Every structure is written in structure tokens, then in C-alpha cells.
C-alpha atoms as a PDB file:
ATOM      1  CA  UNK A   1      17.862 -14.259   3.723  1.00  0.00           C
ATOM      2  CA  UNK A   2      17.758 -11.946   6.648  1.00  0.00           C
ATOM      3  CA  UNK A   3      14.305 -10.305   6.816  1.00  0.00           C
ATOM      4  CA  UNK A   4      13.395  -8.593  10.172  1.00  0.00           C
ATOM      5  CA  UNK A   5      10.395  -6.512   9.298  1.00  0.00           C
ATOM      6  CA  UNK A   6       6.644  -7.787   7.867  1.00  0.00           C
ATOM      7  CA  UNK A   7       6.252  -7.402   4.659  1.00  0.00           C
ATOM      8  CA  UNK A   8       2.762  -7.096   3.143  1.00  0.00           C
ATOM      9  CA  UNK A   9       2.243  -7.447  -0.109  1.00  0.00           C
ATOM     10  CA  UNK A  10      -0.881  -4.852  -1.249  1.00  0.00           C
ATOM     11  CA  UNK A  11      -1.535  -7.269  -4.550  1.00  0.00           C
ATOM     12  CA  UNK A  12      -3.708  -9.946  -5.434  1.00  0.00           C
ATOM     13  CA  UNK A  13      -1.645 -11.033  -8.121  1.00  0.00           C
ATOM     14  CA  UNK A  14      -0.538 -14.985  -7.902  1.00  0.00           C
ATOM     15  CA  UNK A  15       2.432 -14.155 -10.110  1.00  0.00           C
ATOM     16  CA  UNK A  16       3.723 -12.064  -7.721  1.00  0.00           C
ATOM     17  CA  UNK A  17       3.035 -14.086  -4.800  1.00  0.00           C
ATOM     18  CA  UNK A  18       4.841 -16.834  -6.657  1.00  0.00           C
ATOM     19  CA  UNK A  19       8.044 -14.992  -6.957  1.00  0.00           C
ATOM     20  CA  UNK A  20       8.091 -13.292  -3.609  1.00  0.00           C
ATOM     21  CA  UNK A  21       7.543 -17.191  -2.082  1.00  0.00           C
ATOM     22  CA  UNK A  22      10.249 -18.808  -4.251  1.00  0.00           C
ATOM     23  CA  UNK A  23      13.058 -15.889  -3.329  1.00  0.00           C
ATOM     24  CA  UNK A  24      12.028 -16.972   0.334  1.00  0.00           C
ATOM     25  CA  UNK A  25      10.428 -13.849   1.453  1.00  0.00           C
ATOM     26  CA  UNK A  26       7.311 -14.308   4.435  1.00  0.00           C
ATOM     27  CA  UNK A  27       4.590 -12.062   3.400  1.00  0.00           C
ATOM     28  CA  UNK A  28       1.220 -11.595   4.135  1.00  0.00           C
ATOM     29  CA  UNK A  29      -0.886 -10.573   1.231  1.00  0.00           C
ATOM     30  CA  UNK A  30      -3.808  -7.575   2.062  1.00  0.00           C
ATOM     31  CA  UNK A  31      -4.338  -6.198  -1.662  1.00  0.00           C
ATOM     32  CA  UNK A  32      -6.377  -3.227  -2.286  1.00  0.00           C
ATOM     33  CA  UNK A  33      -8.456  -1.743  -5.037  1.00  0.00           C
ATOM     34  CA  UNK A  34      -8.203   1.364  -6.806  1.00  0.00           C
ATOM     35  CA  UNK A  35      -9.089   3.227 -10.094  1.00  0.00           C
ATOM     36  CA  UNK A  36      -6.185   2.499 -12.379  1.00  0.00           C
ATOM     37  CA  UNK A  37      -6.500   4.679 -14.595  1.00  0.00           C
ATOM     38  CA  UNK A  38      -4.019   7.383 -14.908  1.00  0.00           C
ATOM     39  CA  UNK A  39      -3.475  10.795 -16.586  1.00  0.00           C
ATOM     40  CA  UNK A  40      -3.599  10.870 -20.653  1.00  0.00           C
ATOM     41  CA  UNK A  41      -0.914  12.900 -20.980  1.00  0.00           C
ATOM     42  CA  UNK A  42       1.585  11.216 -18.179  1.00  0.00           C
ATOM     43  CA  UNK A  43       4.599   9.473 -19.911  1.00  0.00           C
ATOM     44  CA  UNK A  44       4.098   5.698 -20.395  1.00  0.00           C
ATOM     45  CA  UNK A  45       7.381   4.899 -19.010  1.00  0.00           C
ATOM     46  CA  UNK A  46       6.039   6.632 -15.364  1.00  0.00           C
ATOM     47  CA  UNK A  47       2.769   5.005 -15.157  1.00  0.00           C
ATOM     48  CA  UNK A  48       3.581   1.531 -13.716  1.00  0.00           C
ATOM     49  CA  UNK A  49       5.376   3.182 -10.504  1.00  0.00           C
ATOM     50  CA  UNK A  50       2.897   6.217 -10.549  1.00  0.00           C
ATOM     51  CA  UNK A  51       0.237   3.519  -9.895  1.00  0.00           C
ATOM     52  CA  UNK A  52       2.556   1.649  -7.547  1.00  0.00           C
ATOM     53  CA  UNK A  53       2.624   4.192  -5.621  1.00  0.00           C
ATOM     54  CA  UNK A  54      -0.980   5.059  -5.144  1.00  0.00           C
ATOM     55  CA  UNK A  55      -1.457   1.700  -4.366  1.00  0.00           C
ATOM     56  CA  UNK A  56       0.551   1.104  -1.447  1.00  0.00           C
ATOM     57  CA  UNK A  57      -0.387   5.020  -0.467  1.00  0.00           C
ATOM     58  CA  UNK A  58      -3.724   3.430  -0.725  1.00  0.00           C
ATOM     59  CA  UNK A  59      -2.396   0.271   1.571  1.00  0.00           C
ATOM     60  CA  UNK A  60      -0.716   2.497   4.165  1.00  0.00           C
ATOM     61  CA  UNK A  61      -3.464   1.789   6.711  1.00  0.00           C
ATOM     62  CA  UNK A  62      -2.067  -1.879   7.420  1.00  0.00           C
ATOM     63  CA  UNK A  63       1.153  -0.412   8.614  1.00  0.00           C
ATOM     64  CA  UNK A  64       0.291  -0.696  12.366  1.00  0.00           C
ATOM     65  CA  UNK A  65       4.564  -0.526  13.406  1.00  0.00           C
ATOM     66  CA  UNK A  66       7.095  -1.916  11.713  1.00  0.00           C
ATOM     67  CA  UNK A  67       5.629  -3.161   8.315  1.00  0.00           C
ATOM     68  CA  UNK A  68       7.000  -2.720   4.886  1.00  0.00           C
ATOM     69  CA  UNK A  69       3.978  -2.436   2.252  1.00  0.00           C
ATOM     70  CA  UNK A  70       5.010  -4.031  -0.653  1.00  0.00           C
ATOM     71  CA  UNK A  71       2.964  -2.761  -4.101  1.00  0.00           C
ATOM     72  CA  UNK A  72       3.607  -3.387  -7.622  1.00  0.00           C
ATOM     73  CA  UNK A  73       1.947  -2.621 -11.098  1.00  0.00           C
ATOM     74  CA  UNK A  74       3.019  -3.844 -14.611  1.00  0.00           C
ATOM     75  CA  UNK A  75       2.478  -2.427 -17.638  1.00  0.00           C
ATOM     76  CA  UNK A  76       2.999  -3.267 -21.570  1.00  0.00           C
ATOM     77  CA  UNK A  77       4.749  -0.503 -24.128  1.00  0.00           C
ATOM     78  CA  UNK A  78       4.586  -1.069 -27.624  1.00  0.00           C
ATOM     79  CA  UNK A  79       5.222   2.048 -30.242  1.00  0.00           C
ATOM     80  CA  UNK A  80       4.494   4.528 -26.672  1.00  0.00           C
ATOM     81  CA  UNK A  81       1.511   2.684 -26.325  1.00  0.00           C
ATOM     82  CA  UNK A  82       0.558   1.265 -23.190  1.00  0.00           C
ATOM     83  CA  UNK A  83      -1.383  -2.307 -23.617  1.00  0.00           C
ATOM     84  CA  UNK A  84      -3.125  -3.173 -20.101  1.00  0.00           C
ATOM     85  CA  UNK A  85      -5.103  -6.356 -19.089  1.00  0.00           C
ATOM     86  CA  UNK A  86      -7.517  -7.166 -22.125  1.00  0.00           C
ATOM     87  CA  UNK A  87     -11.422  -6.915 -21.261  1.00  0.00           C
ATOM     88  CA  UNK A  88     -12.167  -9.400 -23.726  1.00  0.00           C
ATOM     89  CA  UNK A  89     -11.268 -12.500 -26.683  1.00  0.00           C
ATOM     90  CA  UNK A  90     -10.878 -10.083 -29.053  1.00  0.00           C
ATOM     91  CA  UNK A  91      -8.975  -6.919 -27.638  1.00  0.00           C
ATOM     92  CA  UNK A  92      -6.728  -9.829 -26.044  1.00  0.00           C
ATOM     93  CA  UNK A  93      -6.215 -11.323 -29.917  1.00  0.00           C
ATOM     94  CA  UNK A  94      -5.651  -7.638 -31.065  1.00  0.00           C
ATOM     95  CA  UNK A  95      -3.044  -7.129 -28.334  1.00  0.00           C
ATOM     96  CA  UNK A  96      -1.198 -10.229 -29.111  1.00  0.00           C
ATOM     97  CA  UNK A  97      -1.206  -9.780 -33.313  1.00  0.00           C
ATOM     98  CA  UNK A  98       0.175  -6.037 -32.769  1.00  0.00           C
ATOM     99  CA  UNK A  99       2.987  -7.534 -30.476  1.00  0.00           C
ATOM    100  CA  UNK A 100       3.695 -10.547 -32.745  1.00  0.00           C
ATOM    101  CA  UNK A 101       7.000 -10.183 -34.509  1.00  0.00           C
ATOM    102  CA  UNK A 102       7.779  -6.975 -32.614  1.00  0.00           C
ATOM    103  CA  UNK A 103      10.049  -5.968 -29.283  1.00  0.00           C
ATOM    104  CA  UNK A 104       7.872  -4.415 -26.769  1.00  0.00           C
ATOM    105  CA  UNK A 105       9.041  -3.047 -23.152  1.00  0.00           C
ATOM    106  CA  UNK A 106       7.603  -4.472 -19.894  1.00  0.00           C
ATOM    107  CA  UNK A 107       8.120  -1.652 -17.228  1.00  0.00           C
ATOM    108  CA  UNK A 108       6.945  -2.704 -13.225  1.00  0.00           C
ATOM    109  CA  UNK A 109       6.911  -0.315 -10.585  1.00  0.00           C
ATOM    110  CA  UNK A 110       6.906  -0.590  -7.587  1.00  0.00           C
ATOM    111  CA  UNK A 111       6.668   0.977  -4.172  1.00  0.00           C
ATOM    112  CA  UNK A 112       7.792   0.114  -0.654  1.00  0.00           C
ATOM    113  CA  UNK A 113       5.957   1.944   1.957  1.00  0.00           C
ATOM    114  CA  UNK A 114       6.830   2.090   5.781  1.00  0.00           C
ATOM    115  CA  UNK A 115       6.225   4.860   8.572  1.00  0.00           C
ATOM    116  CA  UNK A 116       9.564   6.037   8.156  1.00  0.00           C
ATOM    117  CA  UNK A 117      10.412   5.473   4.706  1.00  0.00           C
ATOM    118  CA  UNK A 118       9.017   5.427   1.011  1.00  0.00           C
ATOM    119  CA  UNK A 119      10.955   3.954  -1.906  1.00  0.00           C
ATOM    120  CA  UNK A 120       9.159   3.807  -5.685  1.00  0.00           C
ATOM    121  CA  UNK A 121      11.259   1.886  -8.567  1.00  0.00           C
ATOM    122  CA  UNK A 122      10.866   0.430 -11.915  1.00  0.00           C
ATOM    123  CA  UNK A 123      12.125  -2.325 -13.478  1.00  0.00           C
ATOM    124  CA  UNK A 124      12.409  -2.351 -17.165  1.00  0.00           C
ATOM    125  CA  UNK A 125      12.799  -5.120 -19.687  1.00  0.00           C
ATOM    126  CA  UNK A 126      12.484  -5.383 -23.429  1.00  0.00           C
ATOM    127  CA  UNK A 127      11.032  -8.291 -24.589  1.00  0.00           C
ATOM    128  CA  UNK A 128      10.995 -10.113 -28.235  1.00  0.00           C
ATOM    129  CA  UNK A 129       7.901 -11.893 -29.797  1.00  0.00           C
ATOM    130  CA  UNK A 130       8.232 -14.407 -32.776  1.00  0.00           C
ATOM    131  CA  UNK A 131       5.842 -14.269 -35.316  1.00  0.00           C
ATOM    132  CA  UNK A 132       2.502 -15.811 -34.205  1.00  0.00           C
ATOM    133  CA  UNK A 133      -0.031 -17.239 -36.903  1.00  0.00           C
ATOM    134  CA  UNK A 134      -3.523 -16.224 -36.182  1.00  0.00           C
ATOM    135  CA  UNK A 135      -4.160 -20.062 -34.791  1.00  0.00           C
ATOM    136  CA  UNK A 136      -1.347 -19.970 -32.229  1.00  0.00           C
ATOM    137  CA  UNK A 137      -2.947 -16.596 -30.976  1.00  0.00           C
ATOM    138  CA  UNK A 138      -6.443 -17.919 -30.901  1.00  0.00           C
ATOM    139  CA  UNK A 139      -5.147 -21.296 -29.173  1.00  0.00           C
ATOM    140  CA  UNK A 140      -3.069 -19.289 -26.492  1.00  0.00           C
ATOM    141  CA  UNK A 141      -6.229 -17.201 -25.349  1.00  0.00           C
ATOM    142  CA  UNK A 142      -8.300 -20.118 -25.554  1.00  0.00           C
ATOM    143  CA  UNK A 143      -6.127 -21.926 -23.688  1.00  0.00           C
ATOM    144  CA  UNK A 144      -4.534 -19.796 -20.815  1.00  0.00           C
ATOM    145  CA  UNK A 145      -7.379 -16.996 -21.096  1.00  0.00           C
ATOM    146  CA  UNK A 146      -4.791 -14.021 -20.100  1.00  0.00           C
ATOM    147  CA  UNK A 147      -7.591 -11.368 -19.565  1.00  0.00           C
ATOM    148  CA  UNK A 148      -5.828 -10.879 -15.914  1.00  0.00           C
ATOM    149  CA  UNK A 149      -2.777 -10.068 -17.867  1.00  0.00           C
ATOM    150  CA  UNK A 150      -0.765  -6.390 -18.984  1.00  0.00           C
ATOM    151  CA  UNK A 151      -0.013  -7.548 -22.569  1.00  0.00           C
ATOM    152  CA  UNK A 152      -2.991 -10.027 -23.177  1.00  0.00           C
ATOM    153  CA  UNK A 153       0.122 -12.724 -21.786  1.00  0.00           C
ATOM    154  CA  UNK A 154       2.225 -14.535 -19.199  1.00  0.00           C
ATOM    155  CA  UNK A 155       5.834 -15.360 -19.849  1.00  0.00           C
ATOM    156  CA  UNK A 156       5.380 -18.222 -17.557  1.00  0.00           C
ATOM    157  CA  UNK A 157       2.862 -19.915 -19.950  1.00  0.00           C
ATOM    158  CA  UNK A 158       2.798 -21.046 -23.884  1.00  0.00           C
ATOM    159  CA  UNK A 159       3.750 -17.928 -25.350  1.00  0.00           C
ATOM    160  CA  UNK A 160       6.503 -16.770 -23.116  1.00  0.00           C
ATOM    161  CA  UNK A 161       7.753 -20.633 -23.375  1.00  0.00           C
ATOM    162  CA  UNK A 162       7.453 -21.046 -27.127  1.00  0.00           C
ATOM    163  CA  UNK A 163       7.486 -17.455 -28.886  1.00  0.00           C
ATOM    164  CA  UNK A 164       9.832 -15.185 -26.449  1.00  0.00           C
ATOM    165  CA  UNK A 165      12.907 -15.131 -28.642  1.00  0.00           C
ATOM    166  CA  UNK A 166      14.718 -12.783 -26.492  1.00  0.00           C
ATOM    167  CA  UNK A 167      14.427 -10.678 -22.999  1.00  0.00           C
ATOM    168  CA  UNK A 168      16.430  -7.754 -22.350  1.00  0.00           C
ATOM    169  CA  UNK A 169      16.299  -7.519 -18.365  1.00  0.00           C
ATOM    170  CA  UNK A 170      15.088  -9.809 -15.931  1.00  0.00           C
ATOM    171  CA  UNK A 171      12.475 -12.875 -16.381  1.00  0.00           C
ATOM    172  CA  UNK A 172      10.638 -12.053 -13.044  1.00  0.00           C
ATOM    173  CA  UNK A 173      10.201  -8.402 -14.009  1.00  0.00           C
ATOM    174  CA  UNK A 174       8.243  -9.526 -16.871  1.00  0.00           C
ATOM    175  CA  UNK A 175       6.430 -11.740 -15.412  1.00  0.00           C
ATOM    176  CA  UNK A 176       5.172  -9.050 -12.974  1.00  0.00           C
ATOM    177  CA  UNK A 177       8.058  -8.448 -10.040  1.00  0.00           C
ATOM    178  CA  UNK A 178      11.957  -7.054 -10.281  1.00  0.00           C
ATOM    179  CA  UNK A 179      12.808  -9.170  -7.590  1.00  0.00           C
ATOM    180  CA  UNK A 180      16.535  -8.640  -7.591  1.00  0.00           C
ATOM    181  CA  UNK A 181      15.476  -4.615  -6.909  1.00  0.00           C
ATOM    182  CA  UNK A 182      13.068  -4.964  -4.300  1.00  0.00           C
ATOM    183  CA  UNK A 183      15.713  -7.478  -2.478  1.00  0.00           C
ATOM    184  CA  UNK A 184      18.142  -4.471  -2.698  1.00  0.00           C
ATOM    185  CA  UNK A 185      15.406  -1.888  -1.382  1.00  0.00           C
ATOM    186  CA  UNK A 186      14.315  -3.456   1.536  1.00  0.00           C
ATOM    187  CA  UNK A 187      18.106  -3.521   2.545  1.00  0.00           C
ATOM    188  CA  UNK A 188      17.440  -0.040   3.174  1.00  0.00           C
ATOM    189  CA  UNK A 189      14.779  -0.990   5.577  1.00  0.00           C
ATOM    190  CA  UNK A 190      16.205  -1.814   8.732  1.00  0.00           C
END
């Protein structure tokens, strides 16, 4: 890989850091906190890229010279409803119960921001869950505590290994970052 500019990941997500590291990127982490609420009338498919752009702009002060900010946000969508990070066990249980035996969409919005340019993109993956029993859902939540994950699950954990039957799109996108698209988009920043 020919990475010529400093990359700053504006995210505390350990999964995004892992994906970038495994893909060979060199980067530093400078996360920012923003209000992640969005207009109720916004099309659910536009929420993730919109939030990613807001995060990148909030981290813009880290750009001193040739740095590129990478910010991202993932949402899980089922039947036109966004399933964000669950607040507690009960909400996680309800989310996974709803997704059980169903297909849903994971959209990860990404914003790359530099002094001279901004690029916003979205990775889209469709994910199919097998049926989960209440005991399996309980086991998963108690064992993996998925309270920091959109849709209350991580594709890299038990539920992804044992209960996802099909993915149309990339695994990395479901995990939290469409690395293939990020790699291609970074080529435009010389």
C-alpha cells in the first residue's frame, strides 16, 4: 500500500481500528463526540453518511497540513426502522428478536475530509439471520454485551459466526467500515 498522507480516525470503535490495521493502514485515533440525533424526516438510508460527515467536520480542527480525517457511522435498518445501539439488556433482546429469521440492511457512512476536499460514501450490505431462540439471544447478550453495536450484534462474534446465513455486500462493512471503498476513495487524495 502506498499511503502518503497522515490518516486520522475520528472514531473510538475498536472494530474500525482493527479493520484499518489489518488492511495495512497507518493512522492515529482522535475521536470526537457529537450529538448523534438526526431529523425524524430524514430518509433512513441517508442517516449514516450524514452522521459520518458531521463527525468528520467536528474533527476538522485536527487537520494541520496534509492530514485526512476518516469518520464513520453504521446503522442497522429493518422494515424502514433504524436499530441503533441498545440502551440495555431488554432493548438488545427486542432488537435481536426482531432481526431473528429476517433480512436487514447495514449501511456504514464514511466521510474523508482534508483541507482541499471532502468525500462522503456509503457501504451497503444486506444480512440474513437464521432464527434465534430466546435462550440463544439471552446467551449472546450476556456473553458478548453488544451495547456498543448498532442492531445489538457484532458480525465478528457468536451471532455472526453461528446465525448469519448470508451477506450480500462486504463483511467489513457489516463490522463497521467498508474498507474496500475507503481504500479506493483515498486514492483520490494525493
